[in-house]
C-alpha atoms as a PDB file:
ATOM      1  CA  UNK A   1     161.850   3.793-213.239  1.00  0.00           C
ATOM      2  CA  UNK A   2     159.910   6.084-215.329  1.00  0.00           C
ATOM      3  CA  UNK A   3     156.611   4.067-215.127  1.00  0.00           C
ATOM      4  CA  UNK A   4     157.165   3.595-211.904  1.00  0.00           C
ATOM      5  CA  UNK A   5     156.917   7.254-210.883  1.00  0.00           C
ATOM      6  CA  UNK A   6     153.790   8.230-213.123  1.00  0.00           C
ATOM      7  CA  UNK A   7     151.965   5.861-211.187  1.00  0.00           C
ATOM      8  CA  UNK A   8     153.497   7.123-207.886  1.00  0.00           C
ATOM      9  CA  UNK A   9     152.691  10.910-209.018  1.00  0.00           C
ATOM     10  CA  UNK A  10     149.177   9.604-210.015  1.00  0.00           C
ATOM     11  CA  UNK A  11     148.439   7.783-207.001  1.00  0.00           C
ATOM     12  CA  UNK A  12     149.185  10.630-204.557  1.00  0.00           C
ATOM     13  CA  UNK A  13     147.242  12.815-206.581  1.00  0.00           C
ATOM     14  CA  UNK A  14     143.810  10.852-206.157  1.00  0.00           C
ATOM     15  CA  UNK A  15     144.768   9.729-202.397  1.00  0.00           C
ATOM     16  CA  UNK A  16     141.868  11.283-200.222  1.00  0.00           C
ATOM     17  CA  UNK A  17     144.236  11.362-197.252  1.00  0.00           C
ATOM     18  CA  UNK A  18     146.501  13.697-199.203  1.00  0.00           C
ATOM     19  CA  UNK A  19     143.798  15.888-200.445  1.00  0.00           C
ATOM     20  CA  UNK A  20     145.324  18.444-198.961  1.00  0.00           C
ATOM     21  CA  UNK A  21     148.178  18.669-201.262  1.00  0.00           C
ATOM     22  CA  UNK A  22     147.262  20.130-204.569  1.00  0.00           C
ATOM     23  CA  UNK A  23     147.816  18.089-207.818  1.00  0.00           C
ATOM     24  CA  UNK A  24     150.433  20.205-209.447  1.00  0.00           C
ATOM     25  CA  UNK A  25     152.399  20.058-205.812  1.00  0.00           C
ATOM     26  CA  UNK A  26     153.009  16.480-206.310  1.00  0.00           C
ATOM     27  CA  UNK A  27     155.367  16.393-208.930  1.00  0.00           C
ATOM     28  CA  UNK A  28     158.457  14.260-210.861  1.00  0.00           C
ATOM     29  CA  UNK A  29     161.354  15.975-210.719  1.00  0.00           C
ATOM     30  CA  UNK A  30     165.135  15.652-211.977  1.00  0.00           C
ATOM     31  CA  UNK A  31     166.987  17.908-209.911  1.00  0.00           C
ATOM     32  CA  UNK A  32     165.719  17.317-205.737  1.00  0.00           C
ATOM     33  CA  UNK A  33     167.369  20.606-205.190  1.00  0.00           C
ATOM     34  CA  UNK A  34     165.112  22.441-207.019  1.00  0.00           C
ATOM     35  CA  UNK A  35     161.581  23.555-206.162  1.00  0.00           C
ATOM     36  CA  UNK A  36     159.678  24.817-209.486  1.00  0.00           C
ATOM     37  CA  UNK A  37     158.531  28.198-209.899  1.00  0.00           C
ATOM     38  CA  UNK A  38     154.667  28.929-208.819  1.00  0.00           C
ATOM     39  CA  UNK A  39     155.193  25.115-206.533  1.00  0.00           C
ATOM     40  CA  UNK A  40     152.906  25.890-203.441  1.00  0.00           C
ATOM     41  CA  UNK A  41     153.551  24.443-200.123  1.00  0.00           C
ATOM     42  CA  UNK A  42     153.166  21.908-199.006  1.00  0.00           C
ATOM     43  CA  UNK A  43     154.633  19.761-201.648  1.00  0.00           C
ATOM     44  CA  UNK A  44     155.560  16.124-202.754  1.00  0.00           C
ATOM     45  CA  UNK A  45     158.698  15.933-205.178  1.00  0.00           C
ATOM     46  CA  UNK A  46     159.223  12.388-206.981  1.00  0.00           C
ATOM     47  CA  UNK A  47     162.526  11.616-207.901  1.00  0.00           C
ATOM     48  CA  UNK A  48     164.484   8.232-208.922  1.00  0.00           C
ATOM     49  CA  UNK A  49     166.713   6.585-206.749  1.00  0.00           C
ATOM     50  CA  UNK A  50     169.286   3.472-206.587  1.00  0.00           C
ATOM     51  CA  UNK A  51     168.408   0.352-208.803  1.00  0.00           C
ATOM     52  CA  UNK A  52     169.459  -2.667-207.898  1.00  0.00           C
ATOM     53  CA  UNK A  53     168.989  -6.292-209.855  1.00  0.00           C
ATOM     54  CA  UNK A  54     169.368 -10.146-208.808  1.00  0.00           C
ATOM     55  CA  UNK A  55     169.975 -12.293-211.216  1.00  0.00           C
ATOM     56  CA  UNK A  56     167.333 -15.505-210.979  1.00  0.00           C
ATOM     57  CA  UNK A  57     167.097 -18.701-213.222  1.00  0.00           C
ATOM     58  CA  UNK A  58     165.705 -18.930-217.176  1.00  0.00           C
ATOM     59  CA  UNK A  59     166.166 -14.981-217.718  1.00  0.00           C
ATOM     60  CA  UNK A  60     164.463 -13.878-214.807  1.00  0.00           C
ATOM     61  CA  UNK A  61     165.725 -11.677-212.446  1.00  0.00           C
ATOM     62  CA  UNK A  62     164.505  -9.295-209.086  1.00  0.00           C
ATOM     63  CA  UNK A  63     164.645  -5.376-209.141  1.00  0.00           C
ATOM     64  CA  UNK A  64     164.772  -3.309-206.460  1.00  0.00           C
ATOM     65  CA  UNK A  65     164.127  -0.020-207.514  1.00  0.00           C
ATOM     66  CA  UNK A  66     164.189   2.923-205.250  1.00  0.00           C
ATOM     67  CA  UNK A  67     162.063   6.492-205.371  1.00  0.00           C
ATOM     68  CA  UNK A  68     162.634   9.687-203.131  1.00  0.00           C
ATOM     69  CA  UNK A  69     159.854  11.234-202.172  1.00  0.00           C
ATOM     70  CA  UNK A  70     160.602  14.692-200.542  1.00  0.00           C
ATOM     71  CA  UNK A  71     158.088  16.454-198.576  1.00  0.00           C
ATOM     72  CA  UNK A  72     158.169  19.861-198.440  1.00  0.00           C
ATOM     73  CA  UNK A  73     156.565  22.516-196.350  1.00  0.00           C
ATOM     74  CA  UNK A  74     157.315  26.639-195.996  1.00  0.00           C
ATOM     75  CA  UNK A  75     158.207  27.529-192.319  1.00  0.00           C
ATOM     76  CA  UNK A  76     156.007  29.924-190.770  1.00  0.00           C
ATOM     77  CA  UNK A  77     156.013  29.164-187.100  1.00  0.00           C
ATOM     78  CA  UNK A  78     158.845  27.560-185.433  1.00  0.00           C
ATOM     79  CA  UNK A  79     157.955  23.391-184.697  1.00  0.00           C
ATOM     80  CA  UNK A  80     154.961  23.853-187.183  1.00  0.00           C
ATOM     81  CA  UNK A  81     157.121  22.631-190.047  1.00  0.00           C
ATOM     82  CA  UNK A  82     158.210  19.704-188.605  1.00  0.00           C
ATOM     83  CA  UNK A  83     155.492  19.095-185.876  1.00  0.00           C
ATOM     84  CA  UNK A  84     152.648  20.349-187.027  1.00  0.00           C
ATOM     85  CA  UNK A  85     149.306  18.391-187.992  1.00  0.00           C
ATOM     86  CA  UNK A  86     150.705  19.631-191.944  1.00  0.00           C
ATOM     87  CA  UNK A  87     154.470  19.559-190.600  1.00  0.00           C
ATOM     88  CA  UNK A  88     157.008  17.365-192.454  1.00  0.00           C
ATOM     89  CA  UNK A  89     156.731  14.419-189.822  1.00  0.00           C
ATOM     90  CA  UNK A  90     152.736  13.977-190.223  1.00  0.00           C
ATOM     91  CA  UNK A  91     152.789  14.896-194.218  1.00  0.00           C
ATOM     92  CA  UNK A  92     156.022  11.765-194.573  1.00  0.00           C
ATOM     93  CA  UNK A  93     153.788   9.394-192.492  1.00  0.00           C
ATOM     94  CA  UNK A  94     151.033  10.264-194.375  1.00  0.00           C
ATOM     95  CA  UNK A  95     152.808   9.309-197.918  1.00  0.00           C
ATOM     96  CA  UNK A  96     154.323   6.493-196.585  1.00  0.00           C
ATOM     97  CA  UNK A  97     150.720   4.571-195.046  1.00  0.00           C
ATOM     98  CA  UNK A  98     149.275   5.668-198.608  1.00  0.00           C
ATOM     99  CA  UNK A  99     152.222   3.991-200.995  1.00  0.00           C
ATOM    100  CA  UNK A 100     152.922   0.905-198.393  1.00  0.00           C
ATOM    101  CA  UNK A 101     152.692  -2.292-199.889  1.00  0.00           C
ATOM    102  CA  UNK A 102     150.649  -0.619-202.793  1.00  0.00           C
ATOM    103  CA  UNK A 103     151.272  -2.268-205.986  1.00  0.00           C
ATOM    104  CA  UNK A 104     150.032   0.677-208.169  1.00  0.00           C
ATOM    105  CA  UNK A 105     148.654  -1.634-211.127  1.00  0.00           C
ATOM    106  CA  UNK A 106     152.129  -3.684-211.622  1.00  0.00           C
ATOM    107  CA  UNK A 107     150.202  -6.365-210.373  1.00  0.00           C
ATOM    108  CA  UNK A 108     150.783  -8.717-213.499  1.00  0.00           C
ATOM    109  CA  UNK A 109     152.845  -9.651-216.856  1.00  0.00           C
ATOM    110  CA  UNK A 110     156.695  -7.914-216.546  1.00  0.00           C
ATOM    111  CA  UNK A 111     157.684  -5.808-214.086  1.00  0.00           C
ATOM    112  CA  UNK A 112     154.648  -6.607-211.193  1.00  0.00           C
ATOM    113  CA  UNK A 113     155.718  -5.233-208.065  1.00  0.00           C
ATOM    114  CA  UNK A 114     156.278  -8.049-205.454  1.00  0.00           C
ATOM    115  CA  UNK A 115     156.841  -5.105-202.331  1.00  0.00           C
ATOM    116  CA  UNK A 116     156.519  -1.490-202.155  1.00  0.00           C
ATOM    117  CA  UNK A 117     158.414  -0.896-198.274  1.00  0.00           C
ATOM    118  CA  UNK A 118     159.923   2.610-196.827  1.00  0.00           C
ATOM    119  CA  UNK A 119     163.832   1.485-196.830  1.00  0.00           C
ATOM    120  CA  UNK A 120     165.038   4.704-194.910  1.00  0.00           C
ATOM    121  CA  UNK A 121     164.040   8.487-193.804  1.00  0.00           C
ATOM    122  CA  UNK A 122     166.506  10.824-193.470  1.00  0.00           C
ATOM    123  CA  UNK A 123     166.495  13.871-191.088  1.00  0.00           C
ATOM    124  CA  UNK A 124     164.371  16.291-191.683  1.00  0.00           C
ATOM    125  CA  UNK A 125     166.377  19.780-192.873  1.00  0.00           C
ATOM    126  CA  UNK A 126     165.739  23.179-193.148  1.00  0.00           C
ATOM    127  CA  UNK A 127     167.186  25.720-196.137  1.00  0.00           C
ATOM    128  CA  UNK A 128     166.119  29.271-197.544  1.00  0.00           C
ATOM    129  CA  UNK A 129     164.464  29.698-201.459  1.00  0.00           C
ATOM    130  CA  UNK A 130     166.512  30.662-204.056  1.00  0.00           C
ATOM    131  CA  UNK A 131     165.449  34.223-203.709  1.00  0.00           C
ATOM    132  CA  UNK A 132     166.565  34.116-199.968  1.00  0.00           C
ATOM    133  CA  UNK A 133     162.915  35.209-198.952  1.00  0.00           C
ATOM    134  CA  UNK A 134     161.256  32.129-197.213  1.00  0.00           C
ATOM    135  CA  UNK A 135     162.753  29.206-195.118  1.00  0.00           C
ATOM    136  CA  UNK A 136     161.753  25.496-195.853  1.00  0.00           C
ATOM    137  CA  UNK A 137     161.673  22.717-193.803  1.00  0.00           C
ATOM    138  CA  UNK A 138     162.309  18.971-196.312  1.00  0.00           C
ATOM    139  CA  UNK A 139     161.996  15.608-195.218  1.00  0.00           C
ATOM    140  CA  UNK A 140     163.029  12.981-197.791  1.00  0.00           C
ATOM    141  CA  UNK A 141     161.419   9.252-197.317  1.00  0.00           C
ATOM    142  CA  UNK A 142     162.949   6.314-199.521  1.00  0.00           C
ATOM    143  CA  UNK A 143     160.488   4.148-200.958  1.00  0.00           C
ATOM    144  CA  UNK A 144     161.870   0.496-202.423  1.00  0.00           C
ATOM    145  CA  UNK A 145     159.980  -1.506-205.232  1.00  0.00           C
ATOM    146  CA  UNK A 146     160.847  -5.401-205.415  1.00  0.00           C
ATOM    147  CA  UNK A 147     159.955  -5.867-209.010  1.00  0.00           C
ATOM    148  CA  UNK A 148     159.991  -9.483-211.016  1.00  0.00           C
ATOM    149  CA  UNK A 149     161.707  -8.883-214.412  1.00  0.00           C
ATOM    150  CA  UNK A 150     162.676 -11.022-217.079  1.00  0.00           C
ATOM    151  CA  UNK A 151     164.718 -10.076-220.244  1.00  0.00           C
END
């Protein structure tokens, strides 16, 4: 999972379709309830998710590794944080377009990616920053990476 999340972060940081998000604002987190200090908006948070394994023959298995990608946008004007050109719905679609069926360089060897697909999107949510002075809109997309592995 560690190498998968690192590859996702690197891919999103170099993707020209996401050039409106600073590299520092695309980050891996251990706690999806906290935005790091100094984070700008919009931002993309990468968090590990559920892993399921399906045993195959000859010490092989298929792994389904989910990665949660949460988009954050500051609320300044009503509806803009959701519906605007850089609202959470548009950014989530840019993330999906960037990652769908993206093998991230894992094309050979143990752990190569067979498929990358967005298996779900959670509804957008509004919350206040810890200091209480800023309202933030978020939307989470769950990607599932199907990988061929051996033990």
